[in-house]
Amino acid sequence: MTNREVVITAANTVELVESPLDINLGRSDVLIETEASYISAGTELANYTGLEPQTREPGSWCAYPWRPGYANVGHVLRTGQGVDRVKEEIESSPLESTTRTSSSTSQLRMPRL
C-alpha cells in the first residue's frame, strides 16, 4: 500500500510525495483512508506563503520541508485486534495519536470504547 502526503518544500511550493505504507497495527489502532483533510487558513497558510519566519530556520517546528495538516475524515480500512466496534467514518484530531499531516492514510489509536 502506498501513502500520499502533502509536503511544502519552499514558500509557495507544494509536492505530493508517495511512500510505502508500513501497516503494523497495535491492538487499539485503526487505519483510516483519508476522504478529506483540513489545512488551516491561518498558521498553515503563513507557512505555505513563507510569512512565518521560522520556515527558514533549520530545525524549527515548521522548517521546510514541512508536512501540513492536523485533521482528517475518512473510512476505516483495518482495525487492531482490540478494537471491537468503531464508526464507519472517524474524524481525527491532534489530541490522539495520528500522523497529523495531510496524507492519504492515518493511523489512529482508539480510546477505550
C-alpha atoms as a PDB file:
ATOM      1  CA  MET A   1       0.000   0.000   0.000  1.00  0.00           C
ATOM      2  CA  THR A   2       1.225   3.493  -0.823  1.00  0.00           C
ATOM      3  CA  ASN A   3       0.725   6.667   1.208  1.00  0.00           C
ATOM      4  CA  ARG A   4       0.470  10.073  -0.494  1.00  0.00           C
ATOM      5  CA  GLU A   5       1.352  13.109   1.594  1.00  0.00           C
ATOM      6  CA  VAL A   6       1.305  16.874   1.024  1.00  0.00           C
ATOM      7  CA  VAL A   7       4.742  18.435   1.642  1.00  0.00           C
ATOM      8  CA  ILE A   8       5.532  22.150   1.496  1.00  0.00           C
ATOM      9  CA  THR A   9       9.124  22.228   0.215  1.00  0.00           C
ATOM     10  CA  ALA A  10       9.586  26.017  -0.043  1.00  0.00           C
ATOM     11  CA  ALA A  11       7.486  29.190   0.017  1.00  0.00           C
ATOM     12  CA  ASN A  12       4.524  28.756  -2.354  1.00  0.00           C
ATOM     13  CA  THR A  13       5.746  25.277  -3.388  1.00  0.00           C
ATOM     14  CA  VAL A  14       3.837  22.065  -2.652  1.00  0.00           C
ATOM     15  CA  GLU A  15       4.672  18.495  -3.645  1.00  0.00           C
ATOM     16  CA  LEU A  16       2.650  15.313  -3.364  1.00  0.00           C
ATOM     17  CA  VAL A  17       5.104  12.718  -2.009  1.00  0.00           C
ATOM     18  CA  GLU A  18       4.442   8.980  -2.253  1.00  0.00           C
ATOM     19  CA  SER A  19       5.974   6.439   0.102  1.00  0.00           C
ATOM     20  CA  PRO A  20       5.329   2.801   1.063  1.00  0.00           C
ATOM     21  CA  LEU A  21       2.970   2.394   3.999  1.00  0.00           C
ATOM     22  CA  ASP A  22       4.055   0.012   6.746  1.00  0.00           C
ATOM     23  CA  ILE A  23       0.873  -1.363   8.301  1.00  0.00           C
ATOM     24  CA  ASN A  24       1.679  -2.677  11.776  1.00  0.00           C
ATOM     25  CA  LEU A  25      -1.454  -2.001  13.787  1.00  0.00           C
ATOM     26  CA  GLY A  26      -1.391  -2.172  17.567  1.00  0.00           C
ATOM     27  CA  ARG A  27      -4.332  -3.715  19.437  1.00  0.00           C
ATOM     28  CA  SER A  28      -6.205  -0.404  19.692  1.00  0.00           C
ATOM     29  CA  ASP A  29      -5.142   1.125  16.359  1.00  0.00           C
ATOM     30  CA  VAL A  30      -7.332   1.941  13.371  1.00  0.00           C
ATOM     31  CA  LEU A  31      -6.072   2.525   9.823  1.00  0.00           C
ATOM     32  CA  ILE A  32      -8.078   5.253   8.075  1.00  0.00           C
ATOM     33  CA  GLU A  33      -8.160   6.076   4.360  1.00  0.00           C
ATOM     34  CA  THR A  34      -8.496   9.857   4.170  1.00  0.00           C
ATOM     35  CA  GLU A  35     -11.515  11.261   2.363  1.00  0.00           C
ATOM     36  CA  ALA A  36     -10.824  14.934   3.214  1.00  0.00           C
ATOM     37  CA  SER A  37      -8.045  16.754   5.053  1.00  0.00           C
ATOM     38  CA  TYR A  38      -8.173  20.174   6.657  1.00  0.00           C
ATOM     39  CA  ILE A  39      -5.353  22.677   6.160  1.00  0.00           C
ATOM     40  CA  SER A  40      -5.843  25.870   8.163  1.00  0.00           C
ATOM     41  CA  ALA A  41      -6.030  29.301   6.589  1.00  0.00           C
ATOM     42  CA  GLY A  42      -4.015  30.714   9.488  1.00  0.00           C
ATOM     43  CA  THR A  43      -0.818  29.019  10.609  1.00  0.00           C
ATOM     44  CA  GLU A  44      -0.525  26.643   7.675  1.00  0.00           C
ATOM     45  CA  LEU A  45      -1.189  29.355   5.099  1.00  0.00           C
ATOM     46  CA  ALA A  46       1.517  31.506   6.718  1.00  0.00           C
ATOM     47  CA  ASN A  47       3.916  28.559   6.494  1.00  0.00           C
ATOM     48  CA  TYR A  48       2.985  27.891   2.855  1.00  0.00           C
ATOM     49  CA  THR A  49       3.500  31.508   1.781  1.00  0.00           C
ATOM     50  CA  GLY A  50       6.700  31.873   3.834  1.00  0.00           C
ATOM     51  CA  LEU A  51       5.265  34.661   6.001  1.00  0.00           C
ATOM     52  CA  GLU A  52       6.229  32.630   9.093  1.00  0.00           C
ATOM     53  CA  PRO A  53       9.962  33.449   9.614  1.00  0.00           C
ATOM     54  CA  GLN A  54      10.651  30.077  11.278  1.00  0.00           C
ATOM     55  CA  THR A  55      10.087  28.267   7.964  1.00  0.00           C
ATOM     56  CA  ARG A  56      13.652  29.357   7.089  1.00  0.00           C
ATOM     57  CA  GLU A  57      15.188  28.299  10.431  1.00  0.00           C
ATOM     58  CA  PRO A  58      16.583  24.742  10.171  1.00  0.00           C
ATOM     59  CA  GLY A  59      15.262  22.560  12.982  1.00  0.00           C
ATOM     60  CA  SER A  60      12.252  24.750  13.797  1.00  0.00           C
ATOM     61  CA  TRP A  61       8.814  23.125  14.037  1.00  0.00           C
ATOM     62  CA  CYS A  62       7.791  24.435  10.599  1.00  0.00           C
ATOM     63  CA  ALA A  63      11.096  24.448   8.688  1.00  0.00           C
ATOM     64  CA  TYR A  64      10.912  23.379   5.049  1.00  0.00           C
ATOM     65  CA  PRO A  65      10.250  20.683   4.004  1.00  0.00           C
ATOM     66  CA  TRP A  66       7.124  20.808   6.159  1.00  0.00           C
ATOM     67  CA  ARG A  67       4.099  18.493   6.313  1.00  0.00           C
ATOM     68  CA  PRO A  68       0.866  20.432   6.947  1.00  0.00           C
ATOM     69  CA  GLY A  69      -2.478  19.219   8.238  1.00  0.00           C
ATOM     70  CA  TYR A  70      -3.826  18.098  11.564  1.00  0.00           C
ATOM     71  CA  ALA A  71      -7.364  16.882  10.984  1.00  0.00           C
ATOM     72  CA  ASN A  72      -8.933  14.491   8.527  1.00  0.00           C
ATOM     73  CA  VAL A  73     -12.080  12.492   7.873  1.00  0.00           C
ATOM     74  CA  GLY A  74     -12.003   9.070   6.290  1.00  0.00           C
ATOM     75  CA  HIS A  75     -13.107   5.466   6.031  1.00  0.00           C
ATOM     76  CA  VAL A  76     -11.808   2.714   8.284  1.00  0.00           C
ATOM     77  CA  LEU A  77      -9.689   0.217   6.325  1.00  0.00           C
ATOM     78  CA  ARG A  78      -8.465  -2.027   9.161  1.00  0.00           C
ATOM     79  CA  THR A  79      -8.625  -2.276  12.917  1.00  0.00           C
ATOM     80  CA  GLY A  80      -6.366  -3.759  15.557  1.00  0.00           C
ATOM     81  CA  GLN A  81      -7.449  -6.914  17.376  1.00  0.00           C
ATOM     82  CA  GLY A  82      -8.602  -4.962  20.435  1.00  0.00           C
ATOM     83  CA  VAL A  83     -10.999  -2.711  18.510  1.00  0.00           C
ATOM     84  CA  ASP A  84     -14.394  -4.385  18.515  1.00  0.00           C
ATOM     85  CA  ARG A  85     -16.578  -1.524  17.393  1.00  0.00           C
ATOM     86  CA  VAL A  86     -15.920   1.692  15.518  1.00  0.00           C
ATOM     87  CA  LYS A  87     -17.931   4.139  13.435  1.00  0.00           C
ATOM     88  CA  GLU A  88     -17.565   3.822   9.658  1.00  0.00           C
ATOM     89  CA  GLU A  89     -16.207   7.356   9.450  1.00  0.00           C
ATOM     90  CA  ILE A  90     -13.902   8.915  12.012  1.00  0.00           C
ATOM     91  CA  GLU A  91     -12.706  12.479  12.373  1.00  0.00           C
ATOM     92  CA  SER A  92      -9.191  12.502  13.804  1.00  0.00           C
ATOM     93  CA  SER A  93      -7.603  15.344  15.750  1.00  0.00           C
ATOM     94  CA  PRO A  94      -4.156  16.132  17.151  1.00  0.00           C
ATOM     95  CA  LEU A  95      -5.414  15.182  20.627  1.00  0.00           C
ATOM     96  CA  GLU A  96      -4.883  11.485  19.869  1.00  0.00           C
ATOM     97  CA  SER A  97      -2.145   9.589  18.029  1.00  0.00           C
ATOM     98  CA  THR A  98      -2.381  10.498  14.329  1.00  0.00           C
ATOM     99  CA  THR A  99       0.095  11.341  11.593  1.00  0.00           C
ATOM    100  CA  ARG A 100      -1.069  14.942  11.939  1.00  0.00           C
ATOM    101  CA  THR A 101      -0.410  15.506   8.252  1.00  0.00           C
ATOM    102  CA  SER A 102      -2.423  15.830   5.091  1.00  0.00           C
ATOM    103  CA  SER A 103      -1.916  12.313   3.800  1.00  0.00           C
ATOM    104  CA  SER A 104      -3.932   9.592   2.114  1.00  0.00           C
ATOM    105  CA  THR A 105      -3.899   7.384   5.230  1.00  0.00           C
ATOM    106  CA  SER A 106      -3.708   7.892   9.001  1.00  0.00           C
ATOM    107  CA  GLN A 107      -3.140   5.533  11.885  1.00  0.00           C
ATOM    108  CA  LEU A 108      -5.191   6.426  14.943  1.00  0.00           C
ATOM    109  CA  ARG A 109      -5.117   4.888  18.434  1.00  0.00           C
ATOM    110  CA  MET A 110      -8.668   4.462  19.627  1.00  0.00           C
ATOM    111  CA  PRO A 111      -9.671   5.318  23.188  1.00  0.00           C
ATOM    112  CA  ARG A 112     -11.374   2.545  25.133  1.00  0.00           C
ATOM    113  CA  LEU A 113     -14.936   2.262  23.879  1.00  0.00           C
END
